[in-house]
N, C-alpha and C. Protein backbone atom coordinates (compact mmCIF):
# COMPACT_ATOMS: atom_id res chain seq x y z
N ASN A 1 -47.91 17.20 -295.38
CA ASN A 1 -48.94 18.19 -295.51
C ASN A 1 -50.32 17.63 -295.25
N LYS A 2 -50.42 16.32 -295.07
CA LYS A 2 -51.73 15.71 -294.88
C LYS A 2 -51.76 14.94 -293.57
N LEU A 3 -52.90 14.98 -292.91
CA LEU A 3 -53.12 14.22 -291.69
C LEU A 3 -54.24 13.23 -291.93
N ASP A 4 -54.12 12.04 -291.32
CA ASP A 4 -55.23 11.09 -291.44
C ASP A 4 -56.30 11.45 -290.42
N SER A 5 -57.39 10.71 -290.44
CA SER A 5 -58.53 11.03 -289.59
C SER A 5 -58.20 10.91 -288.10
N ARG A 6 -57.32 9.99 -287.73
CA ARG A 6 -56.94 9.86 -286.32
C ARG A 6 -56.19 11.09 -285.83
N ALA A 7 -55.28 11.60 -286.64
CA ALA A 7 -54.51 12.78 -286.26
C ALA A 7 -55.42 14.01 -286.19
N LYS A 8 -56.30 14.17 -287.15
CA LYS A 8 -57.23 15.30 -287.15
C LYS A 8 -58.15 15.24 -285.94
N GLY A 9 -58.61 14.03 -285.58
CA GLY A 9 -59.47 13.86 -284.42
C GLY A 9 -58.77 14.21 -283.13
N ALA A 10 -57.52 13.79 -283.00
CA ALA A 10 -56.75 14.09 -281.79
C ALA A 10 -56.53 15.59 -281.65
N LEU A 11 -56.24 16.27 -282.75
CA LEU A 11 -56.02 17.71 -282.69
C LEU A 11 -57.31 18.47 -282.41
N SER A 12 -58.43 18.00 -282.92
CA SER A 12 -59.69 18.71 -282.70
C SER A 12 -60.20 18.54 -281.27
N LYS A 13 -59.88 17.42 -280.62
CA LYS A 13 -60.33 17.17 -279.24
C LYS A 13 -59.43 17.82 -278.21
N ALA A 14 -58.19 18.11 -278.58
CA ALA A 14 -57.22 18.65 -277.63
C ALA A 14 -57.54 20.11 -277.29
N LYS A 15 -57.27 20.47 -276.05
CA LYS A 15 -57.51 21.83 -275.59
C LYS A 15 -56.19 22.61 -275.61
N ARG A 16 -56.30 23.91 -275.45
CA ARG A 16 -55.11 24.76 -275.42
C ARG A 16 -54.19 24.33 -274.28
N GLY A 17 -52.91 24.26 -274.54
CA GLY A 17 -51.93 23.84 -273.55
C GLY A 17 -51.71 22.34 -273.52
N SER A 18 -52.51 21.59 -274.27
CA SER A 18 -52.36 20.13 -274.32
C SER A 18 -51.19 19.75 -275.21
N ASP A 19 -50.62 18.59 -274.90
CA ASP A 19 -49.58 18.01 -275.75
C ASP A 19 -50.20 16.88 -276.55
N VAL A 20 -49.92 16.85 -277.84
CA VAL A 20 -50.43 15.81 -278.72
C VAL A 20 -49.24 15.10 -279.34
N GLN A 21 -49.25 13.77 -279.31
CA GLN A 21 -48.18 12.98 -279.91
C GLN A 21 -48.71 12.35 -281.20
N ILE A 22 -47.95 12.53 -282.28
CA ILE A 22 -48.30 11.92 -283.56
C ILE A 22 -47.19 10.94 -283.90
N PHE A 23 -47.56 9.67 -284.12
CA PHE A 23 -46.57 8.64 -284.42
C PHE A 23 -47.06 7.81 -285.59
N GLU A 24 -46.27 6.82 -285.98
CA GLU A 24 -46.53 6.02 -287.18
C GLU A 24 -46.63 6.92 -288.41
N ILE A 25 -45.67 7.82 -288.53
CA ILE A 25 -45.64 8.79 -289.62
C ILE A 25 -45.04 8.14 -290.85
N GLU A 26 -45.70 8.29 -291.98
CA GLU A 26 -45.18 7.80 -293.25
C GLU A 26 -44.69 9.00 -294.04
N ALA A 27 -43.41 9.00 -294.42
CA ALA A 27 -42.83 10.14 -295.13
C ALA A 27 -42.25 9.69 -296.46
N LYS A 28 -42.34 10.57 -297.43
CA LYS A 28 -41.78 10.31 -298.75
C LYS A 28 -40.98 11.54 -299.17
N ALA A 29 -39.82 11.31 -299.78
CA ALA A 29 -39.00 12.40 -300.30
C ALA A 29 -39.28 12.53 -301.79
N SER A 30 -39.76 13.68 -302.20
CA SER A 30 -40.09 13.87 -303.61
C SER A 30 -38.84 14.19 -304.41
N GLY A 31 -38.76 13.63 -305.60
CA GLY A 31 -37.63 13.87 -306.49
C GLY A 31 -36.40 13.05 -306.19
N VAL A 32 -36.49 12.16 -305.21
CA VAL A 32 -35.35 11.34 -304.81
C VAL A 32 -35.82 9.89 -304.71
N SER A 33 -34.96 8.96 -305.05
CA SER A 33 -35.34 7.55 -304.98
C SER A 33 -35.06 6.94 -303.61
N VAL A 34 -34.79 7.77 -302.62
CA VAL A 34 -34.49 7.29 -301.27
C VAL A 34 -35.80 7.00 -300.54
N ILE A 35 -35.86 5.86 -299.86
CA ILE A 35 -37.03 5.49 -299.07
C ILE A 35 -36.73 5.81 -297.61
N LEU A 36 -37.58 6.58 -296.97
CA LEU A 36 -37.41 6.92 -295.57
C LEU A 36 -38.05 5.83 -294.74
N LYS A 37 -37.24 5.08 -294.00
CA LYS A 37 -37.76 3.92 -293.28
C LYS A 37 -38.42 4.30 -291.96
N LYS A 38 -37.73 5.10 -291.14
CA LYS A 38 -38.27 5.44 -289.82
C LYS A 38 -38.34 6.94 -289.66
N VAL A 39 -39.46 7.39 -289.17
CA VAL A 39 -39.63 8.81 -288.86
C VAL A 39 -39.97 8.90 -287.38
N SER A 40 -39.30 9.78 -286.67
CA SER A 40 -39.51 9.92 -285.23
C SER A 40 -40.90 10.48 -284.94
N PRO A 41 -41.49 10.09 -283.81
CA PRO A 41 -42.78 10.66 -283.40
C PRO A 41 -42.64 12.17 -283.19
N VAL A 42 -43.74 12.87 -283.31
CA VAL A 42 -43.75 14.32 -283.15
C VAL A 42 -44.64 14.68 -281.97
N PHE A 43 -44.15 15.55 -281.09
CA PHE A 43 -44.94 16.08 -279.99
C PHE A 43 -45.29 17.52 -280.32
N VAL A 44 -46.57 17.86 -280.22
CA VAL A 44 -47.03 19.22 -280.52
C VAL A 44 -47.73 19.76 -279.29
N GLU A 45 -47.34 20.96 -278.85
CA GLU A 45 -48.05 21.64 -277.76
C GLU A 45 -48.93 22.71 -278.39
N LEU A 46 -50.23 22.65 -278.10
CA LEU A 46 -51.17 23.59 -278.68
C LEU A 46 -51.17 24.88 -277.87
N THR A 47 -50.97 26.01 -278.54
CA THR A 47 -50.88 27.28 -277.84
C THR A 47 -52.02 28.23 -278.18
N ASN A 48 -52.65 28.08 -279.31
CA ASN A 48 -53.75 29.00 -279.68
C ASN A 48 -55.06 28.27 -279.74
């Protein structure tokens, strides 16, 4: 639910129709003692 300043900056500079890649994602599972080691990069295409 939270983005760091680099991710926010990339999204604010991107124009409609652009693809943005977000990587080095740190994820935590709440209520579980499982540690998520690797999270795949996410590609987002901006449409609005």
